Amino acid sequence: MVSKRLKQYLAELDEELGTRGNRLFYLAVAPEYFADIIARLGAHGMAHSGEEADNWVRVRHREAFGTDLASAKKLNDDVNAVFSEGR
């Protein structure tokens, strides 16, 4: 599965480069894929900082955030269900 390989690869990079689990996921994909990608990051434990809270995890997007106010609010809810704004 791609998500498991990505998580393993990121762990290897942490070890090699000393990045301590800091992550920035930059989503340069069509907006209709944002919610699914974010949900999968969350499902595979890649959307939150570690127990020590010594690292950070962020998500950025390249495309417009929704097509209207309703879709932007829905997407915002999807993101907030997985990612915490407080960290």
PDB file of N, CA and C in Angstrom:
ATOM      1  N   MET A   1       0.845  -1.182   0.000  1.00  0.00           N
ATOM      2  CA  MET A   1       0.000   0.000   0.000  1.00  0.00           C
ATOM      3  C   MET A   1       0.887   1.240   0.000  1.00  0.00           C
ATOM      4  N   VAL A   2       0.501   2.229  -0.779  1.00  0.00           N
ATOM      5  CA  VAL A   2       1.284   3.449  -0.951  1.00  0.00           C
ATOM      6  C   VAL A   2       1.469   4.193   0.365  1.00  0.00           C
ATOM      7  N   SER A   3       0.414   4.308   1.161  1.00  0.00           N
ATOM      8  CA  SER A   3       0.494   5.065   2.415  1.00  0.00           C
ATOM      9  C   SER A   3       1.492   4.454   3.385  1.00  0.00           C
ATOM     10  N   LYS A   4       1.520   3.145   3.470  1.00  0.00           N
ATOM     11  CA  LYS A   4       2.481   2.476   4.360  1.00  0.00           C
ATOM     12  C   LYS A   4       3.906   2.696   3.878  1.00  0.00           C
ATOM     13  N   ARG A   5       4.099   2.637   2.567  1.00  0.00           N
ATOM     14  CA  ARG A   5       5.439   2.876   2.015  1.00  0.00           C
ATOM     15  C   ARG A   5       5.867   4.313   2.253  1.00  0.00           C
ATOM     16  N   LEU A   6       4.934   5.255   2.099  1.00  0.00           N
ATOM     17  CA  LEU A   6       5.249   6.663   2.345  1.00  0.00           C
ATOM     18  C   LEU A   6       5.635   6.871   3.802  1.00  0.00           C
ATOM     19  N   LYS A   7       4.871   6.305   4.704  1.00  0.00           N
ATOM     20  CA  LYS A   7       5.172   6.459   6.136  1.00  0.00           C
ATOM     21  C   LYS A   7       6.547   5.875   6.464  1.00  0.00           C
ATOM     22  N   GLN A   8       6.856   4.717   5.899  1.00  0.00           N
ATOM     23  CA  GLN A   8       8.160   4.096   6.120  1.00  0.00           C
ATOM     24  C   GLN A   8       9.274   4.956   5.531  1.00  0.00           C
ATOM     25  N   TYR A   9       9.067   5.466   4.324  1.00  0.00           N
ATOM     26  CA  TYR A   9      10.066   6.304   3.676  1.00  0.00           C
ATOM     27  C   TYR A   9      10.324   7.577   4.495  1.00  0.00           C
ATOM     28  N   LEU A  10       9.266   8.195   4.998  1.00  0.00           N
ATOM     29  CA  LEU A  10       9.433   9.395   5.807  1.00  0.00           C
ATOM     30  C   LEU A  10      10.188   9.092   7.101  1.00  0.00           C
ATOM     31  N   ALA A  11       9.932   7.937   7.695  1.00  0.00           N
ATOM     32  CA  ALA A  11      10.663   7.532   8.900  1.00  0.00           C
ATOM     33  C   ALA A  11      12.148   7.349   8.591  1.00  0.00           C
ATOM     34  N   GLU A  12      12.450   6.778   7.424  1.00  0.00           N
ATOM     35  CA  GLU A  12      13.852   6.618   7.012  1.00  0.00           C
ATOM     36  C   GLU A  12      14.521   7.980   6.815  1.00  0.00           C
ATOM     37  N   LEU A  13      13.805   8.919   6.214  1.00  0.00           N
ATOM     38  CA  LEU A  13      14.353  10.265   6.039  1.00  0.00           C
ATOM     39  C   LEU A  13      14.583  10.948   7.383  1.00  0.00           C
ATOM     40  N   ASP A  14      13.655  10.749   8.322  1.00  0.00           N
ATOM     41  CA  ASP A  14      13.838  11.301   9.667  1.00  0.00           C
ATOM     42  C   ASP A  14      15.143  10.809  10.269  1.00  0.00           C
ATOM     43  N   GLU A  15      15.372   9.521  10.146  1.00  0.00           N
ATOM     44  CA  GLU A  15      16.585   8.910  10.704  1.00  0.00           C
ATOM     45  C   GLU A  15      17.831   9.457  10.005  1.00  0.00           C
ATOM     46  N   GLU A  16      17.783   9.512   8.700  1.00  0.00           N
ATOM     47  CA  GLU A  16      18.939   9.933   7.908  1.00  0.00           C
ATOM     48  C   GLU A  16      19.239  11.428   8.040  1.00  0.00           C
ATOM     49  N   LEU A  17      18.194  12.246   8.031  1.00  0.00           N
ATOM     50  CA  LEU A  17      18.374  13.691   7.980  1.00  0.00           C
ATOM     51  C   LEU A  17      18.108  14.407   9.303  1.00  0.00           C
ATOM     52  N   GLY A  18      17.605  13.664  10.279  1.00  0.00           N
ATOM     53  CA  GLY A  18      17.327  14.258  11.590  1.00  0.00           C
ATOM     54  C   GLY A  18      16.183  15.255  11.578  1.00  0.00           C
ATOM     55  N   THR A  19      15.152  15.003  10.784  1.00  0.00           N
ATOM     56  CA  THR A  19      14.031  15.937  10.677  1.00  0.00           C
ATOM     57  C   THR A  19      13.014  15.799  11.810  1.00  0.00           C
ATOM     58  N   ARG A  20      13.159  14.799  12.655  1.00  0.00           N
ATOM     59  CA  ARG A  20      12.357  14.616  13.874  1.00  0.00           C
ATOM     60  C   ARG A  20      10.862  14.529  13.650  1.00  0.00           C
ATOM     61  N   GLY A  21      10.439  14.080  12.493  1.00  0.00           N
ATOM     62  CA  GLY A  21       9.016  13.923  12.244  1.00  0.00           C
ATOM     63  C   GLY A  21       8.312  15.174  11.766  1.00  0.00           C
ATOM     64  N   ASN A  22       9.047  16.246  11.541  1.00  0.00           N
ATOM     65  CA  ASN A  22       8.436  17.458  11.002  1.00  0.00           C
ATOM     66  C   ASN A  22       7.995  17.193   9.575  1.00  0.00           C
ATOM     67  N   ARG A  23       6.768  17.597   9.247  1.00  0.00           N
ATOM     68  CA  ARG A  23       6.201  17.304   7.934  1.00  0.00           C
ATOM     69  C   ARG A  23       5.474  18.509   7.374  1.00  0.00           C
ATOM     70  N   LEU A  24       5.629  18.704   6.074  1.00  0.00           N
ATOM     71  CA  LEU A  24       4.808  19.645   5.330  1.00  0.00           C
ATOM     72  C   LEU A  24       4.313  18.907   4.104  1.00  0.00           C
ATOM     73  N   PHE A  25       3.015  18.631   4.077  1.00  0.00           N
ATOM     74  CA  PHE A  25       2.406  17.976   2.921  1.00  0.00           C
ATOM     75  C   PHE A  25       1.840  19.073   2.027  1.00  0.00           C
ATOM     76  N   TYR A  26       2.365  19.187   0.828  1.00  0.00           N
ATOM     77  CA  TYR A  26       1.937  20.205  -0.129  1.00  0.00           C
ATOM     78  C   TYR A  26       1.094  19.522  -1.188  1.00  0.00           C
ATOM     79  N   LEU A  27      -0.191  19.840  -1.205  1.00  0.00           N
ATOM     80  CA  LEU A  27      -1.120  19.168  -2.099  1.00  0.00           C
ATOM     81  C   LEU A  27      -1.289  19.965  -3.384  1.00  0.00           C
ATOM     82  N   ALA A  28      -0.554  19.568  -4.405  1.00  0.00           N
ATOM     83  CA  ALA A  28      -0.652  20.203  -5.726  1.00  0.00           C
ATOM     84  C   ALA A  28      -1.504  19.297  -6.610  1.00  0.00           C
ATOM     85  N   VAL A  29      -2.739  19.107  -6.168  1.00  0.00           N
ATOM     86  CA  VAL A  29      -3.689  18.240  -6.871  1.00  0.00           C
ATOM     87  C   VAL A  29      -5.007  18.990  -7.014  1.00  0.00           C
ATOM     88  N   ALA A  30      -5.873  18.462  -7.839  1.00  0.00           N
ATOM     89  CA  ALA A  30      -7.198  19.065  -8.004  1.00  0.00           C
ATOM     90  C   ALA A  30      -7.949  19.050  -6.668  1.00  0.00           C
ATOM     91  N   PRO A  31      -8.733  20.077  -6.395  1.00  0.00           N
ATOM     92  CA  PRO A  31      -9.432  20.194  -5.107  1.00  0.00           C
ATOM     93  C   PRO A  31     -10.307  18.992  -4.741  1.00  0.00           C
ATOM     94  N   GLU A  32     -10.833  18.291  -5.722  1.00  0.00           N
ATOM     95  CA  GLU A  32     -11.702  17.158  -5.393  1.00  0.00           C
ATOM     96  C   GLU A  32     -10.950  16.004  -4.720  1.00  0.00           C
ATOM     97  N   TYR A  33      -9.618  16.054  -4.732  1.00  0.00           N
ATOM     98  CA  TYR A  33      -8.815  15.001  -4.099  1.00  0.00           C
ATOM     99  C   TYR A  33      -8.339  15.376  -2.699  1.00  0.00           C
ATOM    100  N   PHE A  34      -8.472  16.640  -2.291  1.00  0.00           N
ATOM    101  CA  PHE A  34      -7.971  17.085  -0.993  1.00  0.00           C
ATOM    102  C   PHE A  34      -8.491  16.235   0.159  1.00  0.00           C
ATOM    103  N   ALA A  35      -9.815  16.138   0.265  1.00  0.00           N
ATOM    104  CA  ALA A  35     -10.418  15.454   1.416  1.00  0.00           C
ATOM    105  C   ALA A  35      -9.968  13.999   1.508  1.00  0.00           C
ATOM    106  N   ASP A  36      -9.893  13.308   0.380  1.00  0.00           N
ATOM    107  CA  ASP A  36      -9.471  11.907   0.389  1.00  0.00           C
ATOM    108  C   ASP A  36      -8.013  11.768   0.822  1.00  0.00           C
ATOM    109  N   ILE A  37      -7.148  12.615   0.306  1.00  0.00           N
ATOM    110  CA  ILE A  37      -5.730  12.559   0.683  1.00  0.00           C
ATOM    111  C   ILE A  37      -5.558  12.862   2.157  1.00  0.00           C
ATOM    112  N   ILE A  38      -6.227  13.890   2.643  1.00  0.00           N
ATOM    113  CA  ILE A  38      -6.127  14.263   4.048  1.00  0.00           C
ATOM    114  C   ILE A  38      -6.653  13.139   4.946  1.00  0.00           C
ATOM    115  N   ALA A  39      -7.766  12.547   4.558  1.00  0.00           N
ATOM    116  CA  ALA A  39      -8.320  11.431   5.339  1.00  0.00           C
ATOM    117  C   ALA A  39      -7.343  10.265   5.392  1.00  0.00           C
ATOM    118  N   ARG A  40      -6.695   9.969   4.292  1.00  0.00           N
ATOM    119  CA  ARG A  40      -5.729   8.857   4.269  1.00  0.00           C
ATOM    120  C   ARG A  40      -4.489   9.170   5.099  1.00  0.00           C
ATOM    121  N   LEU A  41      -4.025  10.415   5.069  1.00  0.00           N
ATOM    122  CA  LEU A  41      -2.904  10.802   5.930  1.00  0.00           C
ATOM    123  C   LEU A  41      -3.269  10.574   7.393  1.00  0.00           C
ATOM    124  N   GLY A  42      -4.484  10.960   7.754  1.00  0.00           N
ATOM    125  CA  GLY A  42      -4.944  10.750   9.123  1.00  0.00           C
ATOM    126  C   GLY A  42      -5.088   9.283   9.473  1.00  0.00           C
ATOM    127  N   ALA A  43      -5.656   8.509   8.558  1.00  0.00           N
ATOM    128  CA  ALA A  43      -5.874   7.082   8.812  1.00  0.00           C
ATOM    129  C   ALA A  43      -4.565   6.319   9.009  1.00  0.00           C
ATOM    130  N   HIS A  44      -3.502   6.820   8.411  1.00  0.00           N
ATOM    131  CA  HIS A  44      -2.207   6.138   8.515  1.00  0.00           C
ATOM    132  C   HIS A  44      -1.267   6.810   9.514  1.00  0.00           C
ATOM    133  N   GLY A  45      -1.835   7.677  10.357  1.00  0.00           N
ATOM    134  CA  GLY A  45      -1.065   8.275  11.442  1.00  0.00           C
ATOM    135  C   GLY A  45      -0.007   9.267  10.993  1.00  0.00           C
ATOM    136  N   MET A  46      -0.212   9.913   9.859  1.00  0.00           N
ATOM    137  CA  MET A  46       0.790  10.860   9.368  1.00  0.00           C
ATOM    138  C   MET A  46       0.338  12.311   9.499  1.00  0.00           C
ATOM    139  N   ALA A  47      -0.751  12.563  10.198  1.00  0.00           N
ATOM    140  CA  ALA A  47      -1.291  13.913  10.270  1.00  0.00           C
ATOM    141  C   ALA A  47      -1.076  14.578  11.619  1.00  0.00           C
ATOM    142  N   HIS A  48      -0.454  13.905  12.555  1.00  0.00           N
ATOM    143  CA  HIS A  48      -0.306  14.468  13.890  1.00  0.00           C
ATOM    144  C   HIS A  48       1.135  14.432  14.341  1.00  0.00           C
ATOM    145  N   SER A  49       1.457  15.364  15.216  1.00  0.00           N
ATOM    146  CA  SER A  49       2.776  15.403  15.816  1.00  0.00           C
ATOM    147  C   SER A  49       2.961  14.198  16.726  1.00  0.00           C
ATOM    148  N   GLY A  50       4.182  13.911  17.041  1.00  0.00           N
ATOM    149  CA  GLY A  50       4.490  12.788  17.921  1.00  0.00           C
ATOM    150  C   GLY A  50       4.054  13.040  19.350  1.00  0.00           C
ATOM    151  N   GLU A  51       4.167  12.022  20.150  1.00  0.00           N
ATOM    152  CA  GLU A  51       3.758  12.098  21.552  1.00  0.00           C
ATOM    153  C   GLU A  51       4.507  13.200  22.300  1.00  0.00           C
ATOM    154  N   GLU A  52       5.773  13.417  21.947  1.00  0.00           N
ATOM    155  CA  GLU A  52       6.578  14.408  22.645  1.00  0.00           C
ATOM    156  C   GLU A  52       6.159  15.823  22.281  1.00  0.00           C
ATOM    157  N   ALA A  53       5.347  15.977  21.239  1.00  0.00           N
ATOM    158  CA  ALA A  53       4.907  17.282  20.735  1.00  0.00           C
ATOM    159  C   ALA A  53       6.104  18.166  20.422  1.00  0.00           C
ATOM    160  N   ASP A  54       7.207  17.540  20.023  1.00  0.00           N
ATOM    161  CA  ASP A  54       8.435  18.251  19.699  1.00  0.00           C
ATOM    162  C   ASP A  54       8.535  18.504  18.190  1.00  0.00           C
ATOM    163  N   ASN A  55       7.575  18.009  17.451  1.00  0.00           N
ATOM    164  CA  ASN A  55       7.601  18.176  16.002  1.00  0.00           C
ATOM    165  C   ASN A  55       6.289  18.774  15.519  1.00  0.00           C
ATOM    166  N   TRP A  56       6.221  19.072  14.234  1.00  0.00           N
ATOM    167  CA  TRP A  56       5.016  19.672  13.667  1.00  0.00           C
ATOM    168  C   TRP A  56       4.656  18.976  12.363  1.00  0.00           C
ATOM    169  N   VAL A  57       3.366  19.037  12.049  1.00  0.00           N
ATOM    170  CA  VAL A  57       2.846  18.470  10.799  1.00  0.00           C
ATOM    171  C   VAL A  57       1.880  19.499  10.225  1.00  0.00           C
ATOM    172  N   ARG A  58       2.088  19.869   8.959  1.00  0.00           N
ATOM    173  CA  ARG A  58       1.260  20.873   8.298  1.00  0.00           C
ATOM    174  C   ARG A  58       0.796  20.359   6.946  1.00  0.00           C
ATOM    175  N   VAL A  59      -0.297  20.904   6.473  1.00  0.00           N
ATOM    176  CA  VAL A  59      -0.768  20.609   5.119  1.00  0.00           C
ATOM    177  C   VAL A  59      -1.043  21.947   4.428  1.00  0.00           C
ATOM    178  N   ARG A  60      -0.598  22.039   3.189  1.00  0.00           N
ATOM    179  CA  ARG A  60      -0.834  23.225   2.356  1.00  0.00           C
ATOM    180  C   ARG A  60      -1.477  22.759   1.059  1.00  0.00           C
ATOM    181  N   HIS A  61      -2.166  23.649   0.402  1.00  0.00           N
ATOM    182  CA  HIS A  61      -2.794  23.293  -0.864  1.00  0.00           C
ATOM    183  C   HIS A  61      -2.452  24.348  -1.899  1.00  0.00           C
ATOM    184  N   ARG A  62      -2.393  23.927  -3.134  1.00  0.00           N
ATOM    185  CA  ARG A  62      -2.023  24.821  -4.224  1.00  0.00           C
ATOM    186  C   ARG A  62      -3.244  25.419  -4.915  1.00  0.00           C
ATOM    187  N   GLU A  63      -4.255  24.630  -5.063  1.00  0.00           N
ATOM    188  CA  GLU A  63      -5.450  25.042  -5.810  1.00  0.00           C
ATOM    189  C   GLU A  63      -6.433  25.797  -4.922  1.00  0.00           C
ATOM    190  N   ALA A  64      -7.477  26.304  -5.538  1.00  0.00           N
ATOM    191  CA  ALA A  64      -8.529  27.006  -4.802  1.00  0.00           C
ATOM    192  C   ALA A  64      -9.132  26.087  -3.743  1.00  0.00           C
ATOM    193  N   PHE A  65      -9.539  26.670  -2.652  1.00  0.00           N
ATOM    194  CA  PHE A  65     -10.085  25.916  -1.525  1.00  0.00           C
ATOM    195  C   PHE A  65     -11.602  25.882  -1.657  1.00  0.00           C
ATOM    196  N   GLY A  66     -12.088  24.969  -2.462  1.00  0.00           N
ATOM    197  CA  GLY A  66     -13.526  24.865  -2.710  1.00  0.00           C
ATOM    198  C   GLY A  66     -13.940  25.712  -3.895  1.00  0.00           C
ATOM    199  N   THR A  67     -15.147  25.461  -4.370  1.00  0.00           N
ATOM    200  CA  THR A  67     -15.651  26.196  -5.534  1.00  0.00           C
ATOM    201  C   THR A  67     -16.651  27.280  -5.151  1.00  0.00           C
ATOM    202  N   ASP A  68     -17.164  27.208  -3.935  1.00  0.00           N
ATOM    203  CA  ASP A  68     -18.074  28.214  -3.399  1.00  0.00           C
ATOM    204  C   ASP A  68     -17.990  28.134  -1.876  1.00  0.00           C
ATOM    205  N   LEU A  69     -18.749  28.975  -1.187  1.00  0.00           N
ATOM    206  CA  LEU A  69     -18.664  29.010   0.277  1.00  0.00           C
ATOM    207  C   LEU A  69     -19.020  27.658   0.904  1.00  0.00           C
ATOM    208  N   ALA A  70     -20.054  27.019   0.402  1.00  0.00           N
ATOM    209  CA  ALA A  70     -20.474  25.728   0.976  1.00  0.00           C
ATOM    210  C   ALA A  70     -19.391  24.666   0.808  1.00  0.00           C
ATOM    211  N   SER A  71     -18.788  24.574  -0.369  1.00  0.00           N
ATOM    212  CA  SER A  71     -17.761  23.556  -0.586  1.00  0.00           C
ATOM    213  C   SER A  71     -16.484  23.898   0.188  1.00  0.00           C
ATOM    214  N   ALA A  72     -16.181  25.184   0.345  1.00  0.00           N
ATOM    215  CA  ALA A  72     -15.015  25.580   1.143  1.00  0.00           C
ATOM    216  C   ALA A  72     -15.224  25.219   2.614  1.00  0.00           C
ATOM    217  N   LYS A  73     -16.436  25.436   3.125  1.00  0.00           N
ATOM    218  CA  LYS A  73     -16.730  25.059   4.514  1.00  0.00           C
ATOM    219  C   LYS A  73     -16.647  23.550   4.704  1.00  0.00           C
ATOM    220  N   LYS A  74     -17.155  22.791   3.747  1.00  0.00           N
ATOM    221  CA  LYS A  74     -17.094  21.329   3.826  1.00  0.00           C
ATOM    222  C   LYS A  74     -15.648  20.855   3.834  1.00  0.00           C
ATOM    223  N   LEU A  75     -14.839  21.403   2.946  1.00  0.00           N
ATOM    224  CA  LEU A  75     -13.428  21.025   2.888  1.00  0.00           C
ATOM    225  C   LEU A  75     -12.706  21.427   4.170  1.00  0.00           C
ATOM    226  N   ASN A  76     -13.019  22.586   4.695  1.00  0.00           N
ATOM    227  CA  ASN A  76     -12.428  23.020   5.959  1.00  0.00           C
ATOM    228  C   ASN A  76     -12.787  22.054   7.089  1.00  0.00           C
ATOM    229  N   ASP A  77     -14.030  21.604   7.123  1.00  0.00           N
ATOM    230  CA  ASP A  77     -14.448  20.613   8.128  1.00  0.00           C
ATOM    231  C   ASP A  77     -13.685  19.305   7.961  1.00  0.00           C
ATOM    232  N   ASP A  78     -13.490  18.877   6.704  1.00  0.00           N
ATOM    233  CA  ASP A  78     -12.735  17.645   6.429  1.00  0.00           C
ATOM    234  C   ASP A  78     -11.294  17.766   6.923  1.00  0.00           C
ATOM    235  N   VAL A  79     -10.678  18.908   6.670  1.00  0.00           N
ATOM    236  CA  VAL A  79      -9.296  19.131   7.104  1.00  0.00           C
ATOM    237  C   VAL A  79      -9.223  19.167   8.626  1.00  0.00           C
ATOM    238  N   ASN A  80     -10.134  19.906   9.249  1.00  0.00           N
ATOM    239  CA  ASN A  80     -10.111  20.025  10.712  1.00  0.00           C
ATOM    240  C   ASN A  80     -10.431  18.713  11.421  1.00  0.00           C
ATOM    241  N   ALA A  81     -11.080  17.787  10.745  1.00  0.00           N
ATOM    242  CA  ALA A  81     -11.345  16.476  11.343  1.00  0.00           C
ATOM    243  C   ALA A  81     -10.064  15.663  11.491  1.00  0.00           C
ATOM    244  N   VAL A  82      -9.044  16.005  10.715  1.00  0.00           N
ATOM    245  CA  VAL A  82      -7.792  15.252  10.725  1.00  0.00           C
ATOM    246  C   VAL A  82      -6.637  16.056  11.293  1.00  0.00           C
ATOM    247  N   PHE A  83      -6.512  17.305  10.874  1.00  0.00           N
ATOM    248  CA  PHE A  83      -5.399  18.157  11.297  1.00  0.00           C
ATOM    249  C   PHE A  83      -5.861  19.126  12.370  1.00  0.00           C
ATOM    250  N   SER A  84      -5.011  19.378  13.329  1.00  0.00           N
ATOM    251  CA  SER A  84      -5.294  20.319  14.414  1.00  0.00           C
ATOM    252  C   SER A  84      -4.739  21.690  14.054  1.00  0.00           C
ATOM    253  N   GLU A  85      -5.547  22.733  14.204  1.00  0.00           N
ATOM    254  CA  GLU A  85      -5.074  24.089  13.942  1.00  0.00           C
ATOM    255  C   GLU A  85      -4.152  24.591  15.042  1.00  0.00           C
ATOM    256  N   GLY A  86      -4.255  24.012  16.209  1.00  0.00           N
ATOM    257  CA  GLY A  86      -3.514  24.506  17.360  1.00  0.00           C
ATOM    258  C   GLY A  86      -2.030  24.226  17.371  1.00  0.00           C
ATOM    259  N   ARG A  87      -1.554  23.340  16.515  1.00  0.00           N
ATOM    260  CA  ARG A  87      -0.132  22.963  16.518  1.00  0.00           C
ATOM    261  C   ARG A  87       0.498  23.314  15.224  1.00  0.00           C
TER     262      ARG A  87
END
